[in-house]
Amino acid sequence: MSRNSHSLVTKSPAALPDGFKIFPEFLSLTEQRTLLSTALSKLDSSETRQARRRRRDFLANHPQEIHGIEDVFLPDEYYNFEEVAHHISHPAEPGDS
């Protein structure tokens, strides 16, 4: 989900799947920023020392003004995006060999 899709989802609830409800005002903006910042910090801690240093240097040289939730993110090049394949194993059915 891209950073801009949050506004798209909240503006067009008709596009949501059946049974899916969104509560855009459930957390205050301050709470959303705190939750997102904490989650990103946790993810950053699992990154390489070099990647963490790059982000830290960027923040030191580019102070951020955070107005909206999308302002918590750094530019995409400061994140290491990886695609992870999930393999789900199903228990064997009785009689399977």
Protein backbone atom coordinates (compact mmCIF):
# COMPACT_ATOMS: atom_id res chain seq x y z
CA MET A 1 0.00 0.00 0.00
CA SER A 2 1.49 3.31 -0.96
CA ARG A 3 1.51 6.31 1.31
CA ASN A 4 -1.24 8.02 -0.68
CA SER A 5 -3.63 5.08 -0.67
CA HIS A 6 -4.73 5.87 2.90
CA SER A 7 -6.50 8.99 1.67
CA LEU A 8 -7.98 7.08 -1.26
CA VAL A 9 -9.41 4.39 1.01
CA THR A 10 -10.94 6.85 3.44
CA LYS A 11 -12.42 9.00 0.68
CA SER A 12 -14.10 6.20 -1.24
CA PRO A 13 -15.60 3.67 1.20
CA ALA A 14 -17.68 2.19 -1.64
CA ALA A 15 -14.45 0.67 -3.02
CA LEU A 16 -13.91 -1.39 0.15
CA PRO A 17 -14.55 -5.15 0.08
CA ASP A 18 -17.81 -6.44 1.57
CA GLY A 19 -17.58 -6.76 5.34
CA PHE A 20 -14.59 -4.41 5.57
CA LYS A 21 -15.06 -1.33 7.70
CA ILE A 22 -12.62 1.49 8.22
CA PHE A 23 -12.61 3.82 11.19
CA PRO A 24 -10.48 6.77 10.05
CA GLU A 25 -11.01 8.69 13.29
CA PHE A 26 -10.32 5.75 15.66
CA LEU A 27 -6.89 7.10 16.63
CA SER A 28 -6.03 10.77 16.79
CA LEU A 29 -3.41 12.03 14.35
CA THR A 30 -0.91 12.23 17.23
CA GLU A 31 -1.64 8.61 18.18
CA GLN A 32 -1.33 7.50 14.54
CA ARG A 33 2.05 9.24 14.20
CA THR A 34 3.27 7.72 17.48
CA LEU A 35 2.17 4.23 16.44
CA LEU A 36 3.69 4.54 12.96
CA SER A 37 6.95 6.05 14.26
CA THR A 38 7.30 3.25 16.78
CA ALA A 39 6.61 0.58 14.15
CA LEU A 40 9.13 2.13 11.74
CA SER A 41 11.75 2.33 14.50
CA LYS A 42 11.19 -1.35 15.28
CA LEU A 43 11.62 -2.22 11.58
CA ASP A 44 14.71 -0.01 11.34
CA SER A 45 16.32 -1.86 14.23
CA SER A 46 16.37 -5.04 12.12
CA GLU A 47 18.13 -3.28 9.23
CA THR A 48 21.86 -3.24 8.60
CA ARG A 49 24.01 -0.75 10.43
CA GLN A 50 24.72 0.98 7.09
CA ALA A 51 20.99 1.43 6.32
CA ARG A 52 20.32 2.82 9.80
CA ARG A 53 23.27 5.22 9.46
CA ARG A 54 21.97 6.42 6.07
CA ARG A 55 18.55 7.23 7.54
CA ARG A 56 20.08 8.88 10.60
CA ASP A 57 22.31 11.05 8.37
CA PHE A 58 19.35 12.02 6.20
CA LEU A 59 17.32 13.07 9.24
CA ALA A 60 20.24 15.08 10.63
CA ASN A 61 20.56 17.01 7.36
CA HIS A 62 16.84 17.29 6.54
CA PRO A 63 14.78 18.20 9.61
CA GLN A 64 11.22 17.03 9.12
CA GLU A 65 8.06 18.95 9.73
CA ILE A 66 5.39 16.37 10.41
CA HIS A 67 1.90 17.58 9.58
CA GLY A 68 0.20 14.42 8.35
CA ILE A 69 0.72 10.71 8.78
CA GLU A 70 2.54 10.45 5.43
CA ASP A 71 5.20 12.89 6.69
CA VAL A 72 6.49 10.22 9.11
CA PHE A 73 8.00 8.30 6.17
CA LEU A 74 11.37 9.10 4.66
CA PRO A 75 11.81 9.10 0.87
CA ASP A 76 11.54 5.59 -0.61
CA GLU A 77 15.27 5.30 -1.30
CA TYR A 78 15.90 5.17 2.47
CA TYR A 79 13.99 1.91 2.82
CA ASN A 80 15.08 -1.54 1.72
CA PHE A 81 11.97 -3.05 0.19
CA GLU A 82 12.00 -6.81 -0.09
CA GLU A 83 9.40 -9.17 -1.41
CA VAL A 84 8.85 -12.13 0.85
CA ALA A 85 7.19 -15.31 -0.36
CA HIS A 86 4.90 -16.92 2.18
CA HIS A 87 4.48 -20.66 2.08
CA ILE A 88 1.51 -22.05 3.92
CA SER A 89 1.62 -25.71 4.78
CA HIS A 90 -1.69 -27.40 5.31
CA PRO A 91 -2.05 -30.34 7.69
CA ALA A 92 -2.41 -33.68 5.96
CA GLU A 93 -5.96 -34.96 5.64
CA PRO A 94 -6.80 -38.32 7.20
CA GLY A 95 -6.04 -41.03 4.67
CA ASP A 96 -3.37 -38.97 2.83
CA SER A 97 -0.04 -40.72 2.46
